């Protein structure tokens, strides 16, 4: 009788963890940002050329990288990892100077949490809460990344980069 009681208690204790572990995460998904997948080019306001590639989802992650050029010299590299976590979709970003000299601390990427999405747009916010990043599809061959800060209690977005798909 004790063995049966113990078994029921053990299985009963595991059952809620199993149910919750399989529950879908509702705080963003890769479908919300899938439109950025591919090879893209942009021109920064200061004239720097930007080339970016976002790989498709594989498991619980999606990767992207950018190369910013000043003329024919690399100026900045950026690595982006989007990960599905227990808290939802997050964006992790690291910047490097030529020579792969990291600008952030070794184990401290810039971290952005998923805020919201609608058709062809998704918003992430820095964990400090002072910055938002918008990914917005503007046509089948164009999307933009915009940055927002709060002005008079409103988020005001300004285009950072407008990318065109490389054919």
Protein backbone atom coordinates (compact mmCIF):
# COMPACT_ATOMS: atom_id res chain seq x y z
CA UNK A 1 0.00 0.00 0.00
CA UNK A 2 2.85 2.39 0.82
CA UNK A 3 4.43 1.67 -2.56
CA UNK A 4 1.19 2.54 -4.39
CA UNK A 5 0.76 5.73 -2.32
CA UNK A 6 4.36 6.75 -2.98
CA UNK A 7 3.98 6.10 -6.73
CA UNK A 8 0.76 8.13 -6.93
CA UNK A 9 2.35 10.96 -4.95
CA UNK A 10 5.45 10.92 -7.18
CA UNK A 11 3.47 10.89 -10.44
CA UNK A 12 1.07 13.54 -9.09
CA UNK A 13 4.00 15.81 -8.26
CA UNK A 14 5.46 15.44 -11.76
CA UNK A 15 2.20 15.89 -13.65
CA UNK A 16 1.83 19.69 -13.18
CA UNK A 17 5.46 20.25 -14.16
CA UNK A 18 4.93 18.18 -17.29
CA UNK A 19 1.75 20.06 -18.22
CA UNK A 20 3.32 23.47 -17.69
CA UNK A 21 6.55 22.52 -19.45
CA UNK A 22 4.57 21.73 -22.60
CA UNK A 23 2.42 24.86 -22.47
CA UNK A 24 3.15 27.14 -25.45
CA UNK A 25 4.99 30.36 -24.71
CA UNK A 26 2.77 33.33 -25.48
CA UNK A 27 5.37 36.08 -25.23
CA UNK A 28 6.41 36.29 -28.86
CA UNK A 29 7.38 33.66 -31.35
CA UNK A 30 9.70 33.31 -34.30
CA UNK A 31 6.68 33.73 -36.58
CA UNK A 32 6.53 37.34 -35.33
CA UNK A 33 9.99 38.09 -36.78
CA UNK A 34 10.23 35.58 -39.64
CA UNK A 35 9.97 38.38 -42.23
CA UNK A 36 13.56 39.47 -41.44
CA UNK A 37 15.01 36.15 -42.61
CA UNK A 38 17.28 36.57 -45.62
CA UNK A 39 20.07 38.70 -47.05
CA UNK A 40 19.61 42.49 -46.82
CA UNK A 41 21.43 45.77 -47.51
CA UNK A 42 20.93 49.28 -46.17
CA UNK A 43 22.62 52.66 -46.12
CA UNK A 44 23.01 54.45 -42.76
CA UNK A 45 22.29 58.17 -42.49
CA UNK A 46 26.03 58.79 -42.23
CA UNK A 47 26.62 56.98 -45.55
CA UNK A 48 27.95 53.71 -44.13
CA UNK A 49 26.91 50.61 -46.04
CA UNK A 50 25.27 47.85 -44.03
CA UNK A 51 24.94 44.24 -45.08
CA UNK A 52 22.89 41.89 -42.93
CA UNK A 53 21.89 38.25 -42.95
CA UNK A 54 19.29 36.61 -40.74
CA UNK A 55 19.20 32.83 -40.73
CA UNK A 56 15.97 30.93 -40.31
CA UNK A 57 14.84 29.47 -37.03
CA UNK A 58 16.59 26.33 -35.86
CA UNK A 59 15.25 24.88 -32.62
CA UNK A 60 14.85 27.64 -30.06
CA UNK A 61 16.94 30.27 -31.84
CA UNK A 62 17.36 32.51 -34.87
CA UNK A 63 20.65 34.24 -35.68
CA UNK A 64 21.54 37.40 -37.53
CA UNK A 65 24.71 39.32 -38.24
CA UNK A 66 25.56 42.69 -39.74
CA UNK A 67 28.65 44.23 -41.26
CA UNK A 68 28.88 48.01 -41.34
CA UNK A 69 31.32 49.44 -43.85
CA UNK A 70 32.88 52.88 -44.07
CA UNK A 71 33.99 52.95 -47.67
CA UNK A 72 35.89 49.71 -48.20
CA UNK A 73 36.82 49.24 -44.52
CA UNK A 74 34.84 47.39 -41.89
CA UNK A 75 33.62 49.78 -39.21
CA UNK A 76 31.46 47.59 -36.96
CA UNK A 77 30.14 44.04 -36.74
CA UNK A 78 26.94 43.11 -34.93
CA UNK A 79 25.79 39.65 -33.87
CA UNK A 80 22.12 39.08 -33.02
CA UNK A 81 20.64 35.99 -31.39
CA UNK A 82 16.90 35.62 -30.87
CA UNK A 83 16.11 32.92 -28.35
CA UNK A 84 12.86 31.43 -27.12
CA UNK A 85 13.12 31.28 -23.32
CA UNK A 86 10.75 30.37 -20.50
CA UNK A 87 9.98 34.11 -20.25
CA UNK A 88 9.33 34.47 -23.98
CA UNK A 89 11.25 35.64 -27.02
CA UNK A 90 14.41 37.66 -26.32
CA UNK A 91 16.91 39.42 -28.56
CA UNK A 92 20.58 39.35 -27.57
CA UNK A 93 23.00 41.72 -29.31
CA UNK A 94 26.79 42.06 -29.28
CA UNK A 95 28.92 44.62 -31.15
CA UNK A 96 32.50 44.23 -32.32
CA UNK A 97 35.10 46.56 -33.79
CA UNK A 98 37.35 45.24 -36.58
CA UNK A 99 39.58 42.52 -35.19
CA UNK A 100 36.50 41.17 -33.32
CA UNK A 101 37.18 43.44 -30.37
CA UNK A 102 34.03 43.26 -28.27
CA UNK A 103 32.32 46.47 -27.21
CA UNK A 104 30.14 44.88 -24.52
CA UNK A 105 31.41 42.90 -21.56
CA UNK A 106 32.25 39.32 -22.48
CA UNK A 107 29.22 37.72 -20.81
CA UNK A 108 26.86 40.69 -21.03
CA UNK A 109 25.09 41.14 -24.38
CA UNK A 110 22.52 43.88 -24.81
CA UNK A 111 19.25 42.14 -23.94
CA UNK A 112 15.81 43.02 -25.30
CA UNK A 113 12.55 41.34 -24.32
CA UNK A 114 9.57 40.87 -26.61
CA UNK A 115 6.86 43.49 -26.04
CA UNK A 116 4.27 43.02 -28.78
CA UNK A 117 3.67 42.08 -32.39
CA UNK A 118 1.10 42.57 -35.11
CA UNK A 119 1.17 41.67 -38.79
CA UNK A 120 4.69 42.32 -40.14
CA UNK A 121 5.96 44.17 -37.06
CA UNK A 122 7.46 43.25 -33.72
CA UNK A 123 8.73 45.36 -30.82
CA UNK A 124 11.42 44.52 -28.27
CA UNK A 125 12.42 46.59 -25.24
CA UNK A 126 15.77 46.81 -23.48
CA UNK A 127 15.80 45.23 -20.03
CA UNK A 128 16.59 48.70 -18.65
CA UNK A 129 13.25 49.82 -20.14
CA UNK A 130 14.66 52.94 -21.77
CA UNK A 131 14.84 51.82 -25.39
CA UNK A 132 12.57 50.00 -27.82
CA UNK A 133 13.46 48.39 -31.14
CA UNK A 134 10.86 47.94 -33.88
CA UNK A 135 11.20 45.49 -36.76
CA UNK A 136 8.71 46.41 -39.48
CA UNK A 137 8.11 44.87 -42.89
CA UNK A 138 7.29 47.67 -45.32
CA UNK A 139 6.99 45.65 -48.54
CA UNK A 140 7.91 42.15 -49.72
CA UNK A 141 11.44 43.39 -50.38
CA UNK A 142 11.94 45.96 -47.62
CA UNK A 143 11.91 46.14 -43.83
CA UNK A 144 13.11 48.68 -41.30
CA UNK A 145 14.62 48.67 -37.87
CA UNK A 146 13.54 51.71 -35.86
CA UNK A 147 14.65 52.82 -32.42
CA UNK A 148 12.39 54.54 -29.88
CA UNK A 149 12.83 56.45 -26.69
CA UNK A 150 10.18 58.01 -24.51
CA UNK A 151 9.23 61.60 -25.17
CA UNK A 152 6.39 63.07 -23.08
CA UNK A 153 5.36 59.56 -21.93
CA UNK A 154 5.05 58.34 -25.55
CA UNK A 155 7.38 56.00 -27.44
CA UNK A 156 8.71 57.90 -30.47
CA UNK A 157 10.26 55.72 -33.19
CA UNK A 158 12.85 56.91 -35.67
CA UNK A 159 14.21 54.77 -38.50
CA UNK A 160 17.63 53.40 -37.76
CA UNK A 161 18.07 51.28 -40.91
CA UNK A 162 15.85 50.58 -43.92
CA UNK A 163 16.89 47.30 -45.53
CA UNK A 164 16.26 46.13 -49.07
CA UNK A 165 16.36 42.44 -49.92
CA UNK A 166 19.41 41.31 -51.88
CA UNK A 167 18.32 39.42 -55.00
